[in-house]
Structures are given as structure tokens and as C-alpha cells.
Amino acid sequence: MFTRIKSSLYNVQAWASSAQGKRWLAYLRRLFVTGLILFLFYRLTQLGWREVLEALPSNPLFYLFFLGIYFTLPVTESLIYGYLWKVNPLKVFPVSFRKRVYNREVLGYSGEVYLYLWAHRILGLNKRKAFKDIRDNTIISSIISTMVAAGLLAAFLLTGQIHLPFAWDNQHQLYAIGGGFLITGIIVLLIRYRHLFFGLSRKQTMVLTGLHFMRLLLVNTFQIAEWHVVLPAVPLSIWFTFLSTLIILNRIPFLPSRDLIFLGTSMELSEWMQLSTTSVAGMLLVATVLDKTLNAVLFTLLSFLDRKKGVEPSEELPQESEASLVES
């Protein structure tokens, strides 16, 4: 039985890596995103476009917190790779930003491929070192993200700060505690035997861990604040529920268009929680549109500047082109 499953997974992986598999996966991804957009268009039409547009945020703090969320990741990664590769973080920032766009709008981890090519071709970094540093940073980021996500979810659940569609009884608490111990055990083992997984020194690992922890703390704080300034009368427990949903979506690998999925999910949540769905939809819609607009504008500008300088490793980028970035 195990051999059959392993063989089937190998065949699926081989097909996904083939030219035909990549084309079909690209078609399926576009079909999924198109269906999602049509569903959101239908739901927003049900609410009334005029009502949604009238509910768009007018508080300038909303846009300030949005920019904080938007730039926290590229700023943090600029500091990280500037530290690891001993270069000015300002030189890494445009690349960190483009990495974010590739991962969000093209395909998960395509940004890491772009960064690897850039580090080797533009910085002249050894391929092995570039690969190991990016790999190690990705692993540390995933571990810290999982820890923070699990910690926040556990805290919200155990203190009753989030609203659930089912009764939170002792059995569910045991599941949550057991899951927490399991995650903690895995992390302890990774730290204990980190030399088997990481090429970074203990000091470098601690620096990267601290930076990623601060990044997540800032992003989650900005996110709650962004929603709260628009609808201050809504209890924080409601926003903790929304944040928990967002955390879970962000932990699902290779999920396309998370922002659109979160928009649709939040509209359903707001109805269930008897919130103003138009206000929630307007708030999240403007954040989604701003995110994609900034992605397109800044990505195009940086691409133009890189090509003008002759430092664009475009011929070696993942098969998804900049045209497909604009399409998404």
C-alpha cells in the first residue's frame, strides 16, 4: 500500500515537472483565480457596488497601516540578506520587493528562485552559498511563522477571543494543546540538530530569528490596527477571529491569490457575525486593490530601472513571465 502511494506521488511530481504538467497547472491556477473573481464580483453585486464604494475607508491611518504591512517583509528581508551577504540593505531592497511580488502574484517560492539568480549573477555570490543562505532563511521564516501562528491561535482559543462556528469544548482544547506540544517538540528537535539542516552559525540563526519574529509581530499589530481604525465599534475579539482566518490561509502552501480568498471568506464571516458586510467588503476590497496596484506599478518601475542598468536576470527567471504577473 505504502509503495503504491509513494509511486503515485512520484508520478504526480514527475508530471507536474514536465512541460505539459506545468501548462495544465498554469491553466488550472488561472481557472481557479477567474472563478474566484467571478464569485467575488457576484457577492459584491449582491451587496450593491454603490454601497460598497461609499463604505471605502476614509481614515488616513488605514492607509498608513496598509503601507506598514506592505513594506515590512521586503524591509526585513533586505536587512537579512544585507547582513548575510555583507552588502548595503538598500541594494537588496528592490530585489526583496520583487521577490515578494513573484511569490504573491506568480507562484509560491518563485521569488526565491529570482533572488538566487540575482545574488549569483549580480552580486557574484557563489551558487552554493546563495542557495544555502536563501534555503536557511526560508526554513527559519517558516519555523518562526508557524510558531507565531500556533501561539496566537492557541492564545485566542484558550482565552475565548475568537468566535467559532462550533462549541469549544474540552476535547478541542486537548487537540489544541496536543498540537502545540507537537509543534514545540519539532522546533526543539530542529534547534538541537540544526547543524543537519542549516549552514548558518548560531549567531546568524539568532539574528534572523529575531528579525522574523519582529516582522510578524509588526505585521499582525498593523493588521488589527488597520481594521480597528475603520470600524472602531467592533470588538477586538471579532478582529482576532479575522486575523486567525488570515493566519490559517497564509499557512496553506502554494495557495494562489490568498488576498482574494480572504476577501471572500471575510464577507461570509461578517454575515455570520452580523457585521456590516458592506463596510468589511469595502475595507478589504480597497486593501486588495491597493496591494495589486502597488505590485504592478512598483514592479514595472523596478524592472525598467534594472533593464536600463543591465542588471536584470530575466532570461533565467521562472517560466511565468511578467505578462502573467500583470494578468493575475
C-alpha atoms as a PDB file:
ATOM      1  CA  MET A   1       0.000   0.000   0.000  1.00  0.00           C
ATOM      2  CA  PHE A   2       2.745   2.433   1.017  1.00  0.00           C
ATOM      3  CA  THR A   3       4.716   1.550  -2.132  1.00  0.00           C
ATOM      4  CA  ARG A   4       1.701   2.319  -4.332  1.00  0.00           C
ATOM      5  CA  ILE A   5       1.137   5.677  -2.653  1.00  0.00           C
ATOM      6  CA  LYS A   6       4.824   6.557  -2.973  1.00  0.00           C
ATOM      7  CA  SER A   7       4.799   5.527  -6.643  1.00  0.00           C
ATOM      8  CA  SER A   8       1.658   7.598  -7.302  1.00  0.00           C
ATOM      9  CA  LEU A   9       3.170  10.677  -5.633  1.00  0.00           C
ATOM     10  CA  TYR A  10       6.337  10.241  -7.683  1.00  0.00           C
ATOM     11  CA  ASN A  11       4.286  10.041 -10.903  1.00  0.00           C
ATOM     12  CA  VAL A  12       2.319  13.157  -9.975  1.00  0.00           C
ATOM     13  CA  GLN A  13       5.538  15.033  -9.168  1.00  0.00           C
ATOM     14  CA  ALA A  14       7.123  13.917 -12.455  1.00  0.00           C
ATOM     15  CA  TRP A  15       4.038  15.038 -14.391  1.00  0.00           C
ATOM     16  CA  ALA A  16       3.936  18.406 -12.583  1.00  0.00           C
ATOM     17  CA  SER A  17       7.603  18.971 -13.501  1.00  0.00           C
ATOM     18  CA  SER A  18       7.007  18.198 -17.195  1.00  0.00           C
ATOM     19  CA  ALA A  19       6.225  20.883 -19.778  1.00  0.00           C
ATOM     20  CA  GLN A  20       2.691  19.545 -20.190  1.00  0.00           C
ATOM     21  CA  GLY A  21       2.150  19.422 -16.421  1.00  0.00           C
ATOM     22  CA  LYS A  22       3.344  22.987 -15.970  1.00  0.00           C
ATOM     23  CA  ARG A  23       0.979  24.202 -18.698  1.00  0.00           C
ATOM     24  CA  TRP A  24      -2.005  22.408 -17.155  1.00  0.00           C
ATOM     25  CA  LEU A  25      -1.155  23.670 -13.666  1.00  0.00           C
ATOM     26  CA  ALA A  26      -0.925  27.220 -15.054  1.00  0.00           C
ATOM     27  CA  TYR A  27      -4.349  26.768 -16.716  1.00  0.00           C
ATOM     28  CA  LEU A  28      -5.873  25.368 -13.519  1.00  0.00           C
ATOM     29  CA  ARG A  29      -4.435  28.233 -11.492  1.00  0.00           C
ATOM     30  CA  ARG A  30      -5.883  30.814 -13.888  1.00  0.00           C
ATOM     31  CA  LEU A  31      -9.224  28.973 -13.904  1.00  0.00           C
ATOM     32  CA  PHE A  32      -9.275  28.988 -10.084  1.00  0.00           C
ATOM     33  CA  VAL A  33      -8.453  32.707  -9.885  1.00  0.00           C
ATOM     34  CA  THR A  34     -11.019  33.540 -12.592  1.00  0.00           C
ATOM     35  CA  GLY A  35     -13.718  31.583 -10.741  1.00  0.00           C
ATOM     36  CA  LEU A  36     -12.785  33.335  -7.508  1.00  0.00           C
ATOM     37  CA  ILE A  37     -13.001  36.774  -9.137  1.00  0.00           C
ATOM     38  CA  LEU A  38     -16.399  35.940 -10.651  1.00  0.00           C
ATOM     39  CA  PHE A  39     -17.681  34.762  -7.255  1.00  0.00           C
ATOM     40  CA  LEU A  40     -16.469  37.962  -5.562  1.00  0.00           C
ATOM     41  CA  PHE A  41     -17.996  40.077  -8.334  1.00  0.00           C
ATOM     42  CA  TYR A  42     -21.319  38.283  -7.796  1.00  0.00           C
ATOM     43  CA  ARG A  43     -21.204  38.751  -3.997  1.00  0.00           C
ATOM     44  CA  LEU A  44     -20.266  42.427  -4.291  1.00  0.00           C
ATOM     45  CA  THR A  45     -23.062  42.921  -6.804  1.00  0.00           C
ATOM     46  CA  GLN A  46     -25.460  41.357  -4.291  1.00  0.00           C
ATOM     47  CA  LEU A  47     -24.339  43.874  -1.677  1.00  0.00           C
ATOM     48  CA  GLY A  48     -24.552  46.760  -4.136  1.00  0.00           C
ATOM     49  CA  TRP A  49     -21.495  48.388  -5.672  1.00  0.00           C
ATOM     50  CA  ARG A  50     -22.620  51.866  -4.702  1.00  0.00           C
ATOM     51  CA  GLU A  51     -22.969  50.860  -1.041  1.00  0.00           C
ATOM     52  CA  VAL A  52     -19.562  49.152  -1.092  1.00  0.00           C
ATOM     53  CA  LEU A  53     -17.868  52.175  -2.698  1.00  0.00           C
ATOM     54  CA  GLU A  54     -19.488  54.507  -0.166  1.00  0.00           C
ATOM     55  CA  ALA A  55     -18.086  52.279   2.609  1.00  0.00           C
ATOM     56  CA  LEU A  56     -14.466  52.653   1.455  1.00  0.00           C
ATOM     57  CA  PRO A  57     -12.176  53.740   4.337  1.00  0.00           C
ATOM     58  CA  SER A  58     -11.703  57.497   4.742  1.00  0.00           C
ATOM     59  CA  ASN A  59      -9.446  57.395   7.809  1.00  0.00           C
ATOM     60  CA  PRO A  60      -5.845  58.143   6.672  1.00  0.00           C
ATOM     61  CA  LEU A  61      -4.494  55.847   9.403  1.00  0.00           C
ATOM     62  CA  PHE A  62      -5.946  52.903   7.477  1.00  0.00           C
ATOM     63  CA  TYR A  63      -3.655  53.674   4.529  1.00  0.00           C
ATOM     64  CA  LEU A  64      -0.681  54.284   6.820  1.00  0.00           C
ATOM     65  CA  PHE A  65      -1.107  50.872   8.441  1.00  0.00           C
ATOM     66  CA  PHE A  66      -1.569  49.330   4.981  1.00  0.00           C
ATOM     67  CA  LEU A  67       1.823  50.679   3.899  1.00  0.00           C
ATOM     68  CA  GLY A  68       3.334  49.322   7.112  1.00  0.00           C
ATOM     69  CA  ILE A  69       2.008  45.842   6.298  1.00  0.00           C
ATOM     70  CA  TYR A  70       3.064  46.140   2.661  1.00  0.00           C
ATOM     71  CA  PHE A  71       6.693  47.124   3.204  1.00  0.00           C
ATOM     72  CA  THR A  72       7.538  45.206   6.392  1.00  0.00           C
ATOM     73  CA  LEU A  73       8.518  41.981   4.584  1.00  0.00           C
ATOM     74  CA  PRO A  74      10.826  43.491   1.915  1.00  0.00           C
ATOM     75  CA  VAL A  75      12.451  45.760   4.522  1.00  0.00           C
ATOM     76  CA  THR A  76      13.082  42.804   6.843  1.00  0.00           C
ATOM     77  CA  GLU A  77      14.495  40.616   4.074  1.00  0.00           C
ATOM     78  CA  SER A  78      16.698  43.481   2.876  1.00  0.00           C
ATOM     79  CA  LEU A  79      18.214  43.645   6.367  1.00  0.00           C
ATOM     80  CA  ILE A  80      18.580  39.852   6.492  1.00  0.00           C
ATOM     81  CA  TYR A  81      20.323  39.377   3.135  1.00  0.00           C
ATOM     82  CA  GLY A  82      22.321  42.549   3.574  1.00  0.00           C
ATOM     83  CA  TYR A  83      23.599  41.051   6.845  1.00  0.00           C
ATOM     84  CA  LEU A  84      24.268  37.586   5.377  1.00  0.00           C
ATOM     85  CA  TRP A  85      25.920  38.806   2.180  1.00  0.00           C
ATOM     86  CA  LYS A  86      27.613  41.870   3.662  1.00  0.00           C
ATOM     87  CA  VAL A  87      26.058  44.355   1.242  1.00  0.00           C
ATOM     88  CA  ASN A  88      24.079  47.554   1.745  1.00  0.00           C
ATOM     89  CA  PRO A  89      20.446  46.618   2.543  1.00  0.00           C
ATOM     90  CA  LEU A  90      19.317  49.411   0.208  1.00  0.00           C
ATOM     91  CA  LYS A  91      20.848  47.457  -2.674  1.00  0.00           C
ATOM     92  CA  VAL A  92      18.851  44.360  -1.720  1.00  0.00           C
ATOM     93  CA  PHE A  93      15.551  46.171  -1.119  1.00  0.00           C
ATOM     94  CA  PRO A  94      14.336  46.352  -4.767  1.00  0.00           C
ATOM     95  CA  VAL A  95      15.116  42.646  -5.181  1.00  0.00           C
ATOM     96  CA  SER A  96      13.369  41.761  -1.892  1.00  0.00           C
ATOM     97  CA  PHE A  97      10.344  43.679  -3.071  1.00  0.00           C
ATOM     98  CA  ARG A  98      10.272  41.870  -6.431  1.00  0.00           C
ATOM     99  CA  LYS A  99      10.711  38.562  -4.611  1.00  0.00           C
ATOM    100  CA  ARG A 100       7.552  39.376  -2.619  1.00  0.00           C
ATOM    101  CA  VAL A 101       5.633  40.135  -5.809  1.00  0.00           C
ATOM    102  CA  TYR A 102       6.747  36.923  -7.542  1.00  0.00           C
ATOM    103  CA  ASN A 103       5.700  34.826  -4.541  1.00  0.00           C
ATOM    104  CA  ARG A 104       2.313  36.521  -4.168  1.00  0.00           C
ATOM    105  CA  GLU A 105       1.314  37.046  -7.792  1.00  0.00           C
ATOM    106  CA  VAL A 106       3.122  34.357  -9.812  1.00  0.00           C
ATOM    107  CA  LEU A 107       3.888  31.199  -7.853  1.00  0.00           C
ATOM    108  CA  GLY A 108       4.991  30.317  -4.325  1.00  0.00           C
ATOM    109  CA  TYR A 109       8.798  30.263  -3.974  1.00  0.00           C
ATOM    110  CA  SER A 110       9.368  31.652  -7.490  1.00  0.00           C
ATOM    111  CA  GLY A 111      10.650  34.741  -5.650  1.00  0.00           C
ATOM    112  CA  GLU A 112      13.393  32.655  -4.021  1.00  0.00           C
ATOM    113  CA  VAL A 113      14.486  31.477  -7.495  1.00  0.00           C
ATOM    114  CA  TYR A 114      14.665  35.089  -8.665  1.00  0.00           C
ATOM    115  CA  LEU A 115      16.687  36.115  -5.605  1.00  0.00           C
ATOM    116  CA  TYR A 116      19.082  33.174  -6.085  1.00  0.00           C
ATOM    117  CA  LEU A 117      19.729  34.145  -9.725  1.00  0.00           C
ATOM    118  CA  TRP A 118      20.198  37.795  -8.779  1.00  0.00           C
ATOM    119  CA  ALA A 119      22.634  37.005  -5.948  1.00  0.00           C
ATOM    120  CA  HIS A 120      24.756  34.814  -8.228  1.00  0.00           C
ATOM    121  CA  ARG A 121      24.742  36.970 -11.361  1.00  0.00           C
ATOM    122  CA  ILE A 122      24.698  40.499  -9.917  1.00  0.00           C
ATOM    123  CA  LEU A 123      26.498  40.099  -6.583  1.00  0.00           C
ATOM    124  CA  GLY A 124      28.826  37.386  -7.927  1.00  0.00           C
ATOM    125  CA  LEU A 125      27.931  35.183  -4.981  1.00  0.00           C
ATOM    126  CA  ASN A 126      28.921  31.529  -5.014  1.00  0.00           C
ATOM    127  CA  LYS A 127      25.917  29.435  -6.133  1.00  0.00           C
ATOM    128  CA  ARG A 128      26.245  27.095  -3.173  1.00  0.00           C
ATOM    129  CA  LYS A 129      26.338  29.943  -0.623  1.00  0.00           C
ATOM    130  CA  ALA A 130      23.450  31.798  -2.279  1.00  0.00           C
ATOM    131  CA  PHE A 131      21.325  28.647  -2.285  1.00  0.00           C
ATOM    132  CA  LYS A 132      22.152  27.709   1.317  1.00  0.00           C
ATOM    133  CA  ASP A 133      21.510  31.204   2.695  1.00  0.00           C
ATOM    134  CA  ILE A 134      18.166  31.518   0.911  1.00  0.00           C
ATOM    135  CA  ARG A 135      17.207  27.980   1.955  1.00  0.00           C
ATOM    136  CA  ASP A 136      18.150  28.591   5.586  1.00  0.00           C
ATOM    137  CA  ASN A 137      16.325  31.908   5.739  1.00  0.00           C
ATOM    138  CA  THR A 138      13.229  30.297   4.217  1.00  0.00           C
ATOM    139  CA  ILE A 139      13.333  27.477   6.786  1.00  0.00           C
ATOM    140  CA  ILE A 140      13.783  29.888   9.697  1.00  0.00           C
ATOM    141  CA  SER A 141      10.985  32.108   8.382  1.00  0.00           C
ATOM    142  CA  SER A 142       8.653  29.098   8.111  1.00  0.00           C
ATOM    143  CA  ILE A 143       9.509  27.897  11.623  1.00  0.00           C
ATOM    144  CA  ILE A 144       9.000  31.315  13.216  1.00  0.00           C
ATOM    145  CA  SER A 145       5.821  31.917  11.207  1.00  0.00           C
ATOM    146  CA  THR A 146       4.438  28.559  12.342  1.00  0.00           C
ATOM    147  CA  MET A 147       5.410  29.253  15.957  1.00  0.00           C
ATOM    148  CA  VAL A 148       3.818  32.696  15.978  1.00  0.00           C
ATOM    149  CA  ALA A 149       0.721  31.441  14.151  1.00  0.00           C
ATOM    150  CA  ALA A 150       0.295  28.490  16.537  1.00  0.00           C
ATOM    151  CA  GLY A 151       0.963  30.705  19.558  1.00  0.00           C
ATOM    152  CA  LEU A 152      -1.563  33.351  18.506  1.00  0.00           C
ATOM    153  CA  LEU A 153      -4.220  30.794  17.604  1.00  0.00           C
ATOM    154  CA  ALA A 154      -3.711  28.955  20.899  1.00  0.00           C
ATOM    155  CA  ALA A 155      -3.876  32.207  22.878  1.00  0.00           C
ATOM    156  CA  PHE A 156      -7.018  33.342  21.050  1.00  0.00           C
ATOM    157  CA  LEU A 157      -8.715  29.968  21.551  1.00  0.00           C
ATOM    158  CA  LEU A 158      -7.789  29.439  25.197  1.00  0.00           C
ATOM    159  CA  THR A 159      -8.830  32.972  26.174  1.00  0.00           C
ATOM    160  CA  GLY A 160     -12.054  32.834  24.161  1.00  0.00           C
ATOM    161  CA  GLN A 161     -11.031  35.777  21.982  1.00  0.00           C
ATOM    162  CA  ILE A 162     -12.232  34.300  18.708  1.00  0.00           C
ATOM    163  CA  HIS A 163     -15.707  33.274  17.572  1.00  0.00           C
ATOM    164  CA  LEU A 164     -16.082  29.694  16.375  1.00  0.00           C
ATOM    165  CA  PRO A 165     -18.930  28.089  14.420  1.00  0.00           C
ATOM    166  CA  PHE A 166     -18.808  25.135  16.848  1.00  0.00           C
ATOM    167  CA  ALA A 167     -18.664  24.605  20.616  1.00  0.00           C
ATOM    168  CA  TRP A 168     -15.126  24.900  22.005  1.00  0.00           C
ATOM    169  CA  ASP A 169     -15.198  22.018  24.476  1.00  0.00           C
ATOM    170  CA  ASN A 170     -12.561  20.104  26.458  1.00  0.00           C
ATOM    171  CA  GLN A 171     -11.894  17.730  23.566  1.00  0.00           C
ATOM    172  CA  HIS A 172     -10.995  20.590  21.230  1.00  0.00           C
ATOM    173  CA  GLN A 173      -8.789  22.105  23.930  1.00  0.00           C
ATOM    174  CA  LEU A 174      -6.921  18.800  24.233  1.00  0.00           C
ATOM    175  CA  TYR A 175      -6.413  18.743  20.468  1.00  0.00           C
ATOM    176  CA  ALA A 176      -5.049  22.295  20.554  1.00  0.00           C
ATOM    177  CA  ILE A 177      -2.717  21.550  23.477  1.00  0.00           C
ATOM    178  CA  GLY A 178      -1.530  18.333  21.824  1.00  0.00           C
ATOM    179  CA  GLY A 179      -0.878  20.171  18.558  1.00  0.00           C
ATOM    180  CA  GLY A 180       1.045  22.840  20.454  1.00  0.00           C
ATOM    181  CA  PHE A 181       3.251  20.246  22.150  1.00  0.00           C
ATOM    182  CA  LEU A 182       3.865  18.525  18.801  1.00  0.00           C
ATOM    183  CA  ILE A 183       4.908  21.763  17.094  1.00  0.00           C
ATOM    184  CA  THR A 184       7.093  22.719  20.081  1.00  0.00           C
ATOM    185  CA  GLY A 185       8.754  19.285  20.023  1.00  0.00           C
ATOM    186  CA  ILE A 186       9.529  19.547  16.315  1.00  0.00           C
ATOM    187  CA  ILE A 187      11.009  23.019  16.785  1.00  0.00           C
ATOM    188  CA  VAL A 188      13.147  21.862  19.733  1.00  0.00           C
ATOM    189  CA  LEU A 189      14.485  18.979  17.617  1.00  0.00           C
ATOM    190  CA  LEU A 190      15.241  21.347  14.749  1.00  0.00           C
ATOM    191  CA  ILE A 191      17.146  23.666  17.079  1.00  0.00           C
ATOM    192  CA  ARG A 192      19.006  20.757  18.707  1.00  0.00           C
ATOM    193  CA  TYR A 193      20.048  19.253  15.373  1.00  0.00           C
ATOM    194  CA  ARG A 194      20.175  22.480  13.381  1.00  0.00           C
ATOM    195  CA  HIS A 195      23.648  21.606  12.012  1.00  0.00           C
ATOM    196  CA  LEU A 196      21.955  18.897   9.938  1.00  0.00           C
ATOM    197  CA  PHE A 197      19.617  21.440   8.298  1.00  0.00           C
ATOM    198  CA  PHE A 198      21.315  24.846   8.470  1.00  0.00           C
ATOM    199  CA  GLY A 199      24.578  26.191   7.174  1.00  0.00           C
ATOM    200  CA  LEU A 200      24.265  29.328   9.317  1.00  0.00           C
ATOM    201  CA  SER A 201      26.130  29.923  12.548  1.00  0.00           C
ATOM    202  CA  ARG A 202      24.315  30.182  15.883  1.00  0.00           C
ATOM    203  CA  LYS A 203      24.699  33.973  15.862  1.00  0.00           C
ATOM    204  CA  GLN A 204      23.313  34.285  12.334  1.00  0.00           C
ATOM    205  CA  THR A 205      20.414  31.993  13.212  1.00  0.00           C
ATOM    206  CA  MET A 206      19.555  34.102  16.268  1.00  0.00           C
ATOM    207  CA  VAL A 207      19.738  37.365  14.296  1.00  0.00           C
ATOM    208  CA  LEU A 208      17.426  36.004  11.581  1.00  0.00           C
ATOM    209  CA  THR A 209      15.054  34.559  14.187  1.00  0.00           C
ATOM    210  CA  GLY A 210      14.805  37.932  15.947  1.00  0.00           C
ATOM    211  CA  LEU A 211      14.170  39.816  12.701  1.00  0.00           C
ATOM    212  CA  HIS A 212      11.452  37.415  11.560  1.00  0.00           C
ATOM    213  CA  PHE A 213       9.788  37.497  14.973  1.00  0.00           C
ATOM    214  CA  MET A 214       9.717  41.307  14.943  1.00  0.00           C
ATOM    215  CA  ARG A 215       8.366  41.254  11.372  1.00  0.00           C
ATOM    216  CA  LEU A 216       5.445  39.024  12.311  1.00  0.00           C
ATOM    217  CA  LEU A 217       4.723  40.994  15.465  1.00  0.00           C
ATOM    218  CA  LEU A 218       4.616  44.242  13.475  1.00  0.00           C
ATOM    219  CA  VAL A 219       2.506  42.838  10.626  1.00  0.00           C
ATOM    220  CA  ASN A 220      -0.127  41.316  12.935  1.00  0.00           C
ATOM    221  CA  THR A 221      -0.270  44.504  15.034  1.00  0.00           C
ATOM    222  CA  PHE A 222      -0.621  46.674  11.926  1.00  0.00           C
ATOM    223  CA  GLN A 223      -3.326  44.357  10.605  1.00  0.00           C
ATOM    224  CA  ILE A 224      -5.508  44.594  13.702  1.00  0.00           C
ATOM    225  CA  ALA A 225      -4.937  48.360  13.868  1.00  0.00           C
ATOM    226  CA  GLU A 226      -5.841  48.765  10.176  1.00  0.00           C
ATOM    227  CA  TRP A 227      -9.233  47.122  10.682  1.00  0.00           C
ATOM    228  CA  HIS A 228      -9.861  48.776  14.052  1.00  0.00           C
ATOM    229  CA  VAL A 229      -9.446  52.376  12.811  1.00  0.00           C
ATOM    230  CA  VAL A 230     -12.107  51.773  10.141  1.00  0.00           C
ATOM    231  CA  LEU A 231     -14.667  50.087  12.419  1.00  0.00           C
ATOM    232  CA  PRO A 232     -13.691  51.099  15.985  1.00  0.00           C
ATOM    233  CA  ALA A 233     -17.032  49.967  17.445  1.00  0.00           C
ATOM    234  CA  VAL A 234     -16.353  46.334  16.510  1.00  0.00           C
ATOM    235  CA  PRO A 235     -14.930  44.321  19.459  1.00  0.00           C
ATOM    236  CA  LEU A 236     -11.311  43.243  19.140  1.00  0.00           C
ATOM    237  CA  SER A 237     -12.402  39.613  19.522  1.00  0.00           C
ATOM    238  CA  ILE A 238     -14.048  39.906  16.075  1.00  0.00           C
ATOM    239  CA  TRP A 239     -10.807  41.144  14.525  1.00  0.00           C
ATOM    240  CA  PHE A 240      -8.904  38.349  16.274  1.00  0.00           C
ATOM    241  CA  THR A 241     -11.244  35.923  14.511  1.00  0.00           C
ATOM    242  CA  PHE A 242     -10.494  37.560  11.159  1.00  0.00           C
ATOM    243  CA  LEU A 243      -6.773  37.524  11.927  1.00  0.00           C
ATOM    244  CA  SER A 244      -6.960  33.825  12.831  1.00  0.00           C
ATOM    245  CA  THR A 245      -8.592  33.116   9.461  1.00  0.00           C
ATOM    246  CA  LEU A 246      -5.871  35.082   7.683  1.00  0.00           C
ATOM    247  CA  ILE A 247      -3.147  33.229   9.613  1.00  0.00           C
ATOM    248  CA  ILE A 248      -4.586  29.855   8.595  1.00  0.00           C
ATOM    249  CA  LEU A 249      -4.835  30.887   4.921  1.00  0.00           C
ATOM    250  CA  ASN A 250      -1.233  32.128   4.960  1.00  0.00           C
ATOM    251  CA  ARG A 251      -0.018  28.752   6.256  1.00  0.00           C
ATOM    252  CA  ILE A 252      -1.523  26.838   3.307  1.00  0.00           C
ATOM    253  CA  PRO A 253       1.327  26.308   0.803  1.00  0.00           C
ATOM    254  CA  PHE A 254       1.000  27.156  -2.906  1.00  0.00           C
ATOM    255  CA  LEU A 255      -2.419  28.748  -2.398  1.00  0.00           C
ATOM    256  CA  PRO A 256      -2.943  31.339  -5.165  1.00  0.00           C
ATOM    257  CA  SER A 257      -4.485  34.766  -4.565  1.00  0.00           C
ATOM    258  CA  ARG A 258      -4.766  34.494  -0.792  1.00  0.00           C
ATOM    259  CA  ASP A 259      -5.956  38.098  -0.587  1.00  0.00           C
ATOM    260  CA  LEU A 260      -8.956  37.377  -2.829  1.00  0.00           C
ATOM    261  CA  ILE A 261      -9.760  34.192  -0.900  1.00  0.00           C
ATOM    262  CA  PHE A 262      -9.566  36.129   2.368  1.00  0.00           C
ATOM    263  CA  LEU A 263     -11.853  38.814   0.938  1.00  0.00           C
ATOM    264  CA  GLY A 264     -14.492  36.222   0.048  1.00  0.00           C
ATOM    265  CA  THR A 265     -14.117  34.393   3.370  1.00  0.00           C
ATOM    266  CA  SER A 266     -14.357  37.634   5.348  1.00  0.00           C
ATOM    267  CA  MET A 267     -17.580  38.618   3.598  1.00  0.00           C
ATOM    268  CA  GLU A 268     -19.142  35.329   4.690  1.00  0.00           C
ATOM    269  CA  LEU A 269     -17.713  35.735   8.214  1.00  0.00           C
ATOM    270  CA  SER A 270     -19.116  39.250   8.527  1.00  0.00           C
ATOM    271  CA  GLU A 271     -22.611  37.987   7.695  1.00  0.00           C
ATOM    272  CA  TRP A 272     -22.296  35.176  10.238  1.00  0.00           C
ATOM    273  CA  MET A 273     -21.101  37.656  12.900  1.00  0.00           C
ATOM    274  CA  GLN A 274     -23.824  40.164  11.948  1.00  0.00           C
ATOM    275  CA  LEU A 275     -21.344  42.881  10.978  1.00  0.00           C
ATOM    276  CA  SER A 276     -21.817  45.455   8.260  1.00  0.00           C
ATOM    277  CA  THR A 277     -20.791  43.323   5.280  1.00  0.00           C
ATOM    278  CA  THR A 278     -20.545  46.373   3.001  1.00  0.00           C
ATOM    279  CA  SER A 279     -18.104  48.081   5.394  1.00  0.00           C
ATOM    280  CA  VAL A 280     -15.962  44.958   5.717  1.00  0.00           C
ATOM    281  CA  ALA A 281     -16.082  44.346   1.952  1.00  0.00           C
ATOM    282  CA  GLY A 282     -15.157  47.970   1.182  1.00  0.00           C
ATOM    283  CA  MET A 283     -12.270  47.915   3.652  1.00  0.00           C
ATOM    284  CA  LEU A 284     -10.794  44.650   2.362  1.00  0.00           C
ATOM    285  CA  LEU A 285     -11.519  45.466  -1.276  1.00  0.00           C
ATOM    286  CA  VAL A 286      -9.533  48.696  -1.166  1.00  0.00           C
ATOM    287  CA  ALA A 287      -6.632  46.916   0.575  1.00  0.00           C
ATOM    288  CA  THR A 288      -6.624  44.218  -2.127  1.00  0.00           C
ATOM    289  CA  VAL A 289      -6.796  46.730  -4.977  1.00  0.00           C
ATOM    290  CA  LEU A 290      -4.069  48.892  -3.427  1.00  0.00           C
ATOM    291  CA  ASP A 291      -1.835  45.857  -2.929  1.00  0.00           C
ATOM    292  CA  LYS A 292      -2.156  44.695  -6.532  1.00  0.00           C
ATOM    293  CA  THR A 293      -1.845  48.229  -7.912  1.00  0.00           C
ATOM    294  CA  LEU A 294       1.340  48.896  -5.945  1.00  0.00           C
ATOM    295  CA  ASN A 295       2.659  45.490  -7.007  1.00  0.00           C
ATOM    296  CA  ALA A 296       2.095  46.264 -10.692  1.00  0.00           C
ATOM    297  CA  VAL A 297       3.365  49.869 -10.600  1.00  0.00           C
ATOM    298  CA  LEU A 298       6.469  49.320  -8.477  1.00  0.00           C
ATOM    299  CA  PHE A 299       7.331  46.029 -10.194  1.00  0.00           C
ATOM    300  CA  THR A 300       7.145  47.678 -13.631  1.00  0.00           C
ATOM    301  CA  LEU A 301       9.207  50.655 -12.453  1.00  0.00           C
ATOM    302  CA  LEU A 302      11.907  48.453 -10.888  1.00  0.00           C
ATOM    303  CA  SER A 303      12.008  46.218 -13.976  1.00  0.00           C
ATOM    304  CA  PHE A 304      12.525  49.275 -16.187  1.00  0.00           C
ATOM    305  CA  LEU A 305      15.322  50.600 -13.973  1.00  0.00           C
ATOM    306  CA  ASP A 306      17.036  47.205 -13.810  1.00  0.00           C
ATOM    307  CA  ARG A 307      16.949  46.765 -17.575  1.00  0.00           C
ATOM    308  CA  LYS A 308      18.269  50.276 -18.049  1.00  0.00           C
ATOM    309  CA  LYS A 309      21.191  49.371 -15.793  1.00  0.00           C
ATOM    310  CA  GLY A 310      21.592  45.960 -17.461  1.00  0.00           C
ATOM    311  CA  VAL A 311      21.198  44.032 -14.187  1.00  0.00           C
ATOM    312  CA  GLU A 312      18.004  42.060 -14.898  1.00  0.00           C
ATOM    313  CA  PRO A 313      18.474  38.258 -14.886  1.00  0.00           C
ATOM    314  CA  SER A 314      15.203  37.923 -16.810  1.00  0.00           C
ATOM    315  CA  GLU A 315      16.196  35.184 -19.228  1.00  0.00           C
ATOM    316  CA  GLU A 316      16.647  32.757 -16.363  1.00  0.00           C
ATOM    317  CA  LEU A 317      13.510  33.590 -14.393  1.00  0.00           C
ATOM    318  CA  PRO A 318      10.733  31.057 -13.718  1.00  0.00           C
ATOM    319  CA  GLN A 319       8.595  30.291 -16.767  1.00  0.00           C
ATOM    320  CA  GLU A 320       5.808  32.600 -15.633  1.00  0.00           C
ATOM    321  CA  SER A 321       6.636  35.928 -17.267  1.00  0.00           C
ATOM    322  CA  GLU A 322       5.985  39.489 -16.232  1.00  0.00           C
ATOM    323  CA  ALA A 323       2.950  39.389 -18.526  1.00  0.00           C
ATOM    324  CA  SER A 324       1.400  36.683 -16.379  1.00  0.00           C
ATOM    325  CA  LEU A 325       2.174  38.795 -13.311  1.00  0.00           C
ATOM    326  CA  VAL A 326       0.089  41.629 -14.719  1.00  0.00           C
ATOM    327  CA  GLU A 327      -2.698  39.176 -15.685  1.00  0.00           C
ATOM    328  CA  SER A 328      -3.024  37.961 -12.095  1.00  0.00           C
END
